[in-house]
N, C-alpha and C. Protein backbone atom coordinates (compact mmCIF):
# COMPACT_ATOMS: atom_id res chain seq x y z
N MET A 1 10.39 -32.35 -30.51
CA MET A 1 9.42 -31.40 -30.03
C MET A 1 8.02 -31.77 -30.51
N THR A 2 7.92 -32.25 -31.73
CA THR A 2 6.61 -32.57 -32.29
C THR A 2 5.92 -33.65 -31.47
N VAL A 3 6.65 -34.70 -31.11
CA VAL A 3 6.06 -35.79 -30.34
C VAL A 3 5.77 -35.33 -28.91
N CYS A 4 6.68 -34.54 -28.31
CA CYS A 4 6.43 -34.02 -26.96
C CYS A 4 5.16 -33.19 -26.92
N ALA A 5 5.00 -32.31 -27.90
CA ALA A 5 3.79 -31.47 -27.94
C ALA A 5 2.54 -32.32 -28.13
N ALA A 6 2.63 -33.34 -28.98
CA ALA A 6 1.47 -34.18 -29.25
C ALA A 6 1.11 -35.07 -28.07
N THR A 7 2.09 -35.47 -27.28
CA THR A 7 1.82 -36.37 -26.16
C THR A 7 1.65 -35.60 -24.86
N PHE A 8 2.69 -34.95 -24.39
CA PHE A 8 2.62 -34.25 -23.11
C PHE A 8 1.76 -32.99 -23.20
N GLY A 9 1.78 -32.33 -24.35
CA GLY A 9 1.00 -31.10 -24.50
C GLY A 9 -0.46 -31.35 -24.81
N ALA A 10 -0.74 -32.33 -25.69
CA ALA A 10 -2.11 -32.56 -26.15
C ALA A 10 -2.71 -33.87 -25.65
N GLY A 11 -1.94 -34.64 -24.88
CA GLY A 11 -2.47 -35.87 -24.30
C GLY A 11 -2.53 -37.06 -25.23
N GLY A 12 -1.78 -37.02 -26.33
CA GLY A 12 -1.78 -38.14 -27.28
C GLY A 12 -1.03 -39.34 -26.72
N ASP A 13 -1.26 -40.49 -27.34
CA ASP A 13 -0.64 -41.75 -26.92
C ASP A 13 0.69 -41.92 -27.66
N MET A 14 1.81 -41.86 -26.94
CA MET A 14 3.13 -41.96 -27.57
C MET A 14 3.40 -43.35 -28.14
N ASN A 15 2.55 -44.31 -27.87
CA ASN A 15 2.69 -45.64 -28.45
C ASN A 15 1.85 -45.82 -29.71
N SER A 16 1.18 -44.77 -30.13
CA SER A 16 0.31 -44.84 -31.28
C SER A 16 1.09 -44.71 -32.58
N ASP A 17 0.97 -45.72 -33.45
CA ASP A 17 1.62 -45.64 -34.76
C ASP A 17 1.09 -44.45 -35.55
N ALA A 18 -0.20 -44.14 -35.39
CA ALA A 18 -0.79 -43.01 -36.11
C ALA A 18 -0.15 -41.70 -35.66
N LEU A 19 0.03 -41.52 -34.34
CA LEU A 19 0.66 -40.30 -33.82
C LEU A 19 2.10 -40.20 -34.31
N LEU A 20 2.84 -41.30 -34.22
CA LEU A 20 4.24 -41.28 -34.66
C LEU A 20 4.36 -41.05 -36.16
N SER A 21 3.47 -41.63 -36.94
CA SER A 21 3.48 -41.41 -38.39
C SER A 21 3.16 -39.97 -38.72
N ASP A 22 2.18 -39.39 -38.03
CA ASP A 22 1.83 -37.99 -38.25
C ASP A 22 2.99 -37.08 -37.88
N ALA A 23 3.64 -37.36 -36.76
CA ALA A 23 4.80 -36.56 -36.35
C ALA A 23 5.91 -36.66 -37.39
N ALA A 24 6.15 -37.85 -37.91
CA ALA A 24 7.18 -38.03 -38.95
C ALA A 24 6.84 -37.19 -40.18
N ARG A 25 5.59 -37.22 -40.60
CA ARG A 25 5.19 -36.43 -41.77
C ARG A 25 5.39 -34.94 -41.52
N GLN A 26 5.07 -34.48 -40.31
CA GLN A 26 5.24 -33.05 -39.98
C GLN A 26 6.71 -32.63 -40.07
N MET A 27 7.62 -33.58 -39.84
CA MET A 27 9.05 -33.27 -39.90
C MET A 27 9.67 -33.67 -41.23
N ASP A 28 8.81 -33.99 -42.21
CA ASP A 28 9.26 -34.41 -43.54
C ASP A 28 10.12 -35.67 -43.51
N TRP A 29 9.78 -36.58 -42.60
CA TRP A 29 10.43 -37.88 -42.51
C TRP A 29 9.48 -38.92 -43.09
N SER A 30 10.01 -40.03 -43.48
CA SER A 30 9.19 -41.14 -43.95
C SER A 30 8.52 -41.82 -42.75
N PRO A 31 7.19 -41.85 -42.72
CA PRO A 31 6.52 -42.54 -41.60
C PRO A 31 6.92 -44.01 -41.50
N GLU A 32 7.06 -44.68 -42.65
CA GLU A 32 7.41 -46.10 -42.63
C GLU A 32 8.81 -46.31 -42.05
N ASP A 33 9.78 -45.49 -42.51
CA ASP A 33 11.14 -45.60 -41.99
C ASP A 33 11.18 -45.27 -40.50
N SER A 34 10.40 -44.28 -40.09
CA SER A 34 10.38 -43.89 -38.68
C SER A 34 9.84 -45.01 -37.80
N LEU A 35 8.74 -45.63 -38.24
CA LEU A 35 8.18 -46.74 -37.45
C LEU A 35 9.12 -47.94 -37.44
N ASP A 36 9.80 -48.19 -38.56
CA ASP A 36 10.78 -49.27 -38.58
C ASP A 36 11.90 -49.00 -37.58
N PHE A 37 12.36 -47.74 -37.52
CA PHE A 37 13.42 -47.40 -36.57
C PHE A 37 12.95 -47.60 -35.14
N VAL A 38 11.74 -47.13 -34.83
CA VAL A 38 11.22 -47.25 -33.46
C VAL A 38 11.25 -48.70 -32.98
N ASP A 39 11.03 -49.64 -33.89
CA ASP A 39 11.01 -51.06 -33.54
C ASP A 39 12.37 -51.75 -33.68
N SER A 40 13.43 -50.99 -33.94
CA SER A 40 14.73 -51.59 -34.22
C SER A 40 15.58 -51.81 -32.97
N ASP A 41 16.58 -52.68 -33.10
CA ASP A 41 17.55 -52.90 -32.02
C ASP A 41 18.36 -51.62 -31.77
N ARG A 42 18.66 -50.88 -32.83
CA ARG A 42 19.43 -49.63 -32.69
C ARG A 42 18.66 -48.64 -31.81
N ALA A 43 17.36 -48.53 -32.03
CA ALA A 43 16.55 -47.62 -31.22
C ALA A 43 16.59 -48.05 -29.75
N GLN A 44 16.51 -49.35 -29.50
CA GLN A 44 16.57 -49.84 -28.12
C GLN A 44 17.91 -49.52 -27.47
N ARG A 45 19.01 -49.69 -28.22
CA ARG A 45 20.33 -49.36 -27.68
C ARG A 45 20.44 -47.86 -27.36
N LEU A 46 19.94 -47.02 -28.28
CA LEU A 46 19.97 -45.57 -28.03
C LEU A 46 19.12 -45.21 -26.82
N TYR A 47 17.96 -45.83 -26.71
CA TYR A 47 17.09 -45.60 -25.56
C TYR A 47 17.82 -45.94 -24.26
N ASP A 48 18.46 -47.09 -24.23
CA ASP A 48 19.19 -47.53 -23.03
C ASP A 48 20.31 -46.55 -22.69
N GLU A 49 21.06 -46.11 -23.71
CA GLU A 49 22.16 -45.16 -23.47
C GLU A 49 21.64 -43.83 -22.95
N ILE A 50 20.58 -43.33 -23.56
CA ILE A 50 20.01 -42.04 -23.14
C ILE A 50 19.41 -42.16 -21.74
N ASN A 51 18.74 -43.26 -21.47
CA ASN A 51 18.16 -43.48 -20.15
C ASN A 51 19.23 -43.46 -19.06
N GLU A 52 20.35 -44.12 -19.34
CA GLU A 52 21.48 -44.12 -18.40
C GLU A 52 22.01 -42.70 -18.19
N GLU A 53 22.14 -41.94 -19.27
CA GLU A 53 22.64 -40.57 -19.20
C GLU A 53 21.71 -39.66 -18.39
N VAL A 54 20.41 -39.75 -18.60
CA VAL A 54 19.50 -38.87 -17.87
C VAL A 54 19.48 -39.21 -16.38
N HIS A 55 19.63 -40.48 -16.05
CA HIS A 55 19.73 -40.84 -14.63
C HIS A 55 21.00 -40.26 -14.03
N ARG A 56 22.10 -40.32 -14.76
CA ARG A 56 23.37 -39.76 -14.29
C ARG A 56 23.25 -38.24 -14.07
N ARG A 57 22.48 -37.57 -14.94
CA ARG A 57 22.34 -36.13 -14.85
C ARG A 57 21.27 -35.68 -13.87
N GLY A 58 20.56 -36.63 -13.27
CA GLY A 58 19.61 -36.29 -12.23
C GLY A 58 18.22 -35.92 -12.70
N VAL A 59 17.84 -36.34 -13.88
CA VAL A 59 16.49 -36.06 -14.38
C VAL A 59 15.49 -36.85 -13.56
N CYS A 60 14.44 -36.16 -13.10
CA CYS A 60 13.45 -36.87 -12.29
C CYS A 60 12.01 -36.48 -12.65
N TRP A 61 11.82 -35.62 -13.62
CA TRP A 61 10.47 -35.21 -14.02
C TRP A 61 10.29 -35.45 -15.51
N VAL A 62 9.07 -35.67 -15.91
CA VAL A 62 8.75 -35.89 -17.31
C VAL A 62 7.71 -34.85 -17.71
N PRO A 63 7.83 -34.22 -18.84
CA PRO A 63 8.93 -34.35 -19.79
C PRO A 63 10.12 -33.49 -19.38
N THR A 64 11.31 -33.99 -19.61
CA THR A 64 12.55 -33.25 -19.43
C THR A 64 13.29 -33.28 -20.75
N MET A 65 13.77 -32.11 -21.16
CA MET A 65 14.52 -31.99 -22.40
C MET A 65 15.91 -31.50 -22.06
N LEU A 66 16.93 -32.15 -22.63
CA LEU A 66 18.32 -31.79 -22.40
C LEU A 66 18.95 -31.39 -23.73
N VAL A 67 19.62 -30.24 -23.74
CA VAL A 67 20.40 -29.80 -24.91
C VAL A 67 21.73 -29.32 -24.34
N GLY A 68 22.78 -30.11 -24.58
CA GLY A 68 24.07 -29.78 -23.99
C GLY A 68 23.94 -29.80 -22.48
N ASP A 69 24.35 -28.71 -21.83
CA ASP A 69 24.25 -28.60 -20.37
C ASP A 69 22.93 -27.98 -19.92
N GLU A 70 22.09 -27.57 -20.87
CA GLU A 70 20.81 -26.94 -20.54
C GLU A 70 19.73 -27.99 -20.32
N MET A 71 18.86 -27.74 -19.33
CA MET A 71 17.79 -28.68 -19.01
C MET A 71 16.48 -27.91 -18.84
N TRP A 72 15.42 -28.44 -19.46
CA TRP A 72 14.08 -27.92 -19.28
C TRP A 72 13.19 -29.07 -18.86
N TRP A 73 12.26 -28.83 -17.96
CA TRP A 73 11.30 -29.87 -17.62
C TRP A 73 9.94 -29.24 -17.45
N GLY A 74 8.95 -29.98 -17.90
CA GLY A 74 7.57 -29.51 -17.86
C GLY A 74 7.11 -29.04 -19.22
N ASN A 75 5.89 -29.43 -19.60
CA ASN A 75 5.42 -29.06 -20.93
C ASN A 75 5.17 -27.56 -21.06
N ASP A 76 5.13 -26.83 -19.96
CA ASP A 76 4.96 -25.38 -20.04
C ASP A 76 6.21 -24.68 -20.56
N LEU A 77 7.35 -25.39 -20.62
CA LEU A 77 8.59 -24.79 -21.12
C LEU A 77 8.93 -25.21 -22.54
N LEU A 78 8.04 -25.94 -23.21
CA LEU A 78 8.31 -26.37 -24.57
C LEU A 78 8.53 -25.17 -25.50
N GLY A 79 7.77 -24.10 -25.31
CA GLY A 79 7.94 -22.90 -26.13
C GLY A 79 9.30 -22.25 -25.92
N LEU A 80 9.77 -22.20 -24.68
CA LEU A 80 11.10 -21.64 -24.41
C LEU A 80 12.19 -22.50 -25.03
N LEU A 81 12.02 -23.81 -24.98
CA LEU A 81 12.98 -24.70 -25.61
C LEU A 81 13.00 -24.50 -27.12
N GLU A 82 11.83 -24.35 -27.72
CA GLU A 82 11.78 -24.09 -29.17
C GLU A 82 12.53 -22.80 -29.51
N ASP A 83 12.33 -21.75 -28.71
CA ASP A 83 13.05 -20.49 -28.93
C ASP A 83 14.56 -20.69 -28.79
N PHE A 84 14.97 -21.42 -27.77
CA PHE A 84 16.40 -21.70 -27.55
C PHE A 84 17.00 -22.41 -28.75
N LEU A 85 16.30 -23.44 -29.24
CA LEU A 85 16.80 -24.21 -30.38
C LEU A 85 16.85 -23.35 -31.65
N ARG A 86 15.87 -22.49 -31.83
CA ARG A 86 15.84 -21.62 -33.00
C ARG A 86 17.02 -20.65 -32.97
N VAL A 87 17.27 -20.03 -31.83
CA VAL A 87 18.39 -19.08 -31.70
C VAL A 87 19.71 -19.82 -31.87
N ARG A 88 19.81 -21.00 -31.27
CA ARG A 88 21.05 -21.79 -31.39
C ARG A 88 21.32 -22.17 -32.84
N GLN A 89 20.26 -22.52 -33.59
CA GLN A 89 20.42 -22.90 -34.99
C GLN A 89 20.84 -21.69 -35.83
N GLU A 90 20.37 -20.51 -35.49
CA GLU A 90 20.68 -19.31 -36.25
C GLU A 90 22.10 -18.82 -36.01
N SER A 91 22.69 -19.19 -34.88
CA SER A 91 24.05 -18.70 -34.57
C SER A 91 25.14 -19.65 -35.01
């Protein structure tokens, strides 16, 4: 959600190391480890798997967020997705 809000919501560059490092810090992750992961073979494999899955599920708009069988698309629904995730985490 942090990167979606920074890019799709605020117009930031998702390829920016500074943006990704800042997002990592906001989530209490190591910026260095996060950037290393982004450049890893494992990240590329996960990207390929997820890309295949979203095509199978019929995703055609960006940003689209999938949680289980639920789908949201459009940055105007980021707040609803945050609420959904919060309620799901509490239950």
